[in-house]
Protein backbone atom coordinates (compact mmCIF):
# COMPACT_ATOMS: atom_id res chain seq x y z
CA MET A 1 -97.52 82.87 35.14
CA ILE A 2 -97.22 79.36 33.43
CA LYS A 3 -94.66 80.79 31.21
CA GLN A 4 -92.60 81.98 34.10
CA LEU A 5 -92.87 78.44 35.82
CA LEU A 6 -91.82 76.51 32.43
CA ILE A 7 -89.04 79.11 32.09
CA ILE A 8 -87.76 78.18 35.77
CA LEU A 9 -88.16 74.62 35.14
CA PHE A 10 -86.21 74.65 32.02
CA LEU A 11 -83.26 76.68 33.53
CA THR A 12 -83.42 74.20 36.28
CA ILE A 13 -83.16 71.06 33.87
CA VAL A 14 -80.28 73.03 31.84
CA THR A 15 -78.56 73.60 35.30
CA PHE A 16 -78.79 70.13 36.43
CA ALA A 17 -78.04 68.63 33.20
CA THR A 18 -74.66 70.70 32.95
CA ASP A 19 -73.70 69.72 36.46
CA MET A 20 -74.31 65.99 35.63
CA LYS A 21 -72.17 66.49 32.77
CA MET A 22 -69.31 67.76 35.04
CA GLN A 23 -69.73 64.92 37.24
CA ASN A 24 -69.57 62.60 34.47
CA LYS A 25 -66.34 63.92 33.18
CA GLU A 26 -64.83 63.79 36.63
CA LEU A 27 -65.85 60.37 36.96
CA VAL A 28 -64.09 59.49 33.77
CA ASP A 29 -61.19 61.16 34.53
CA TYR A 30 -61.05 59.65 37.78
CA THR A 31 -61.32 56.07 36.17
CA THR A 32 -58.71 56.76 33.69
CA ILE A 33 -56.27 57.64 36.51
CA GLN A 34 -57.37 54.74 38.73
CA ASN A 35 -57.04 52.18 35.76
CA LYS A 36 -53.30 53.40 35.03
CA PHE A 37 -52.52 53.03 38.70
CA ILE A 38 -53.91 49.48 38.78
CA ILE A 39 -51.87 48.57 35.63
CA ASP A 40 -48.92 50.12 37.25
CA VAL A 41 -49.10 48.37 40.37
CA ASP A 42 -49.84 45.03 38.94
CA GLU A 43 -46.98 44.77 36.58
CA PRO A 44 -44.02 44.45 39.13
CA THR A 45 -46.24 42.06 41.28
CA ASN A 46 -47.16 39.59 38.29
CA SER A 47 -43.39 40.05 36.84
CA GLN A 48 -41.89 38.69 40.09
CA THR A 49 -43.40 35.26 39.53
CA LEU A 50 -42.49 34.76 35.88
CA PRO A 51 -41.78 32.65 33.95
CA LYS A 52 -44.99 30.45 34.83
CA GLN A 53 -46.17 27.34 33.46
CA ILE A 54 -49.87 27.34 32.60
CA ASP A 55 -50.21 23.94 31.04
CA ARG A 56 -48.52 21.09 29.47
CA TYR A 57 -47.57 23.30 26.36
CA THR A 58 -47.94 26.87 27.75
CA LYS A 59 -45.81 29.21 29.54
CA LEU A 60 -46.41 32.90 30.69
CA VAL A 61 -43.05 34.46 30.19
CA ASN A 62 -43.75 38.14 30.41
CA ILE A 63 -46.31 40.87 31.47
CA LYS A 64 -46.14 44.37 29.80
CA THR A 65 -48.25 47.54 30.40
CA GLY A 66 -49.23 50.26 28.56
CA ASN A 67 -51.33 53.29 28.75
CA SER A 68 -54.72 51.24 29.45
CA GLU A 69 -53.24 47.90 28.46
CA LEU A 70 -51.91 44.63 29.84
CA VAL A 71 -49.85 42.27 27.49
CA TYR A 72 -49.42 39.17 28.28
CA ILE A 73 -46.76 37.10 26.54
CA TYR A 74 -46.87 33.34 26.41
CA GLU A 75 -44.63 30.87 24.68
CA ILE A 76 -46.01 27.61 23.34
CA ASP A 77 -44.47 24.30 22.99
CA THR A 78 -45.64 23.37 19.60
CA ASN A 79 -43.83 19.86 19.74
CA SER A 80 -43.19 18.95 15.92
CA GLN A 81 -45.51 21.16 14.35
CA THR A 82 -44.31 24.17 12.18
CA ASP A 83 -45.32 27.55 12.91
CA GLU A 84 -47.36 27.77 10.09
CA ALA A 85 -49.27 24.68 10.74
CA VAL A 86 -50.01 25.94 14.51
CA LYS A 87 -51.32 29.30 12.90
CA LEU A 88 -53.36 27.72 10.36
CA GLU A 89 -54.90 25.04 12.47
CA ASP A 90 -55.10 26.60 15.87
CA ARG A 91 -55.86 30.60 15.60
CA ALA A 92 -59.67 30.31 15.38
CA THR A 93 -59.82 27.95 18.35
CA MET A 94 -57.37 29.94 20.39
CA LYS A 95 -59.21 33.17 19.47
CA GLU A 96 -62.66 32.00 20.93
CA ALA A 97 -61.00 30.37 23.95
CA ILE A 98 -59.13 33.58 24.81
CA ILE A 99 -61.87 36.06 24.20
CA ARG A 100 -64.47 33.82 26.13
CA GLY A 101 -62.15 33.21 28.94
CA THR A 102 -60.97 36.88 29.34
CA CYS A 103 -64.54 38.13 29.38
CA ILE A 104 -65.27 35.89 31.97
CA SER A 105 -62.14 36.14 34.27
CA SER A 106 -61.45 39.65 33.62
CA LYS A 107 -64.90 41.25 33.41
CA GLN A 108 -63.94 44.14 36.04
CA LEU A 109 -60.74 45.18 34.06
CA LEU A 110 -62.60 45.22 30.75
CA GLU A 111 -65.79 47.17 32.09
CA ALA A 112 -63.14 49.54 33.59
CA ASN A 113 -61.84 50.18 30.04
CA ILE A 114 -58.42 48.37 30.26
CA SER A 115 -57.44 46.37 27.14
CA LEU A 116 -56.04 42.95 27.49
CA GLN A 117 -53.58 41.64 24.71
CA TYR A 118 -52.42 38.07 24.40
CA LEU A 119 -49.18 37.44 22.40
CA TYR A 120 -48.21 33.82 21.81
CA LYS A 121 -44.73 32.86 20.42
CA SER A 122 -43.13 29.55 19.60
CA SER A 123 -40.98 28.43 22.37
CA ARG A 124 -38.81 26.95 19.81
CA THR A 125 -38.33 29.47 17.06
CA LYS A 126 -39.57 32.67 19.21
CA LYS A 127 -41.77 33.95 16.27
CA GLU A 128 -45.09 35.27 16.89
CA LEU A 129 -47.75 32.59 16.42
CA PHE A 130 -51.14 34.60 17.75
CA LYS A 131 -51.90 38.14 18.97
CA PHE A 132 -55.28 38.64 20.35
CA GLN A 133 -56.63 42.34 21.52
CA VAL A 134 -59.44 41.98 23.99
CA ASN A 135 -61.71 45.00 25.18
CA HIS A 136 -65.01 45.35 26.66
CA GLU A 137 -66.59 45.38 23.16
CA SER A 138 -65.05 42.06 22.25
CA CYS A 139 -67.30 40.44 24.63
CA PHE A 140 -70.28 41.15 22.55
CA THR A 141 -69.05 39.25 19.62
CA ILE A 142 -68.99 35.83 21.54
């Protein structure tokens, strides 16, 4: 009798676990579809208001989208500094500020497995100065 009850209990648990896996897979699939939709809808809305001056030195010039990624492209007025000097002197500070700020301001996007990439170019030379990729895991490194 006890063996039969244990077998029934075991089969119930296995069935329940299988059902939960299917529900989880469906949820993951739905979330992926939703993320792509958010990105597709967001791009035209944001691109219509560009370029946008962010601060005295920084201008947001473009926003691109990928599968589950948003790419923000900025230009920086580096004044008389060379591109190499800006890369050397400002990279670490910029990286920390970008990751910290993104983890606070874009928490919902990151939790939905949307990756954010920040590309900074010189407004004078149009050469890449910095590129930072921020995803949900990045927020655990700060």
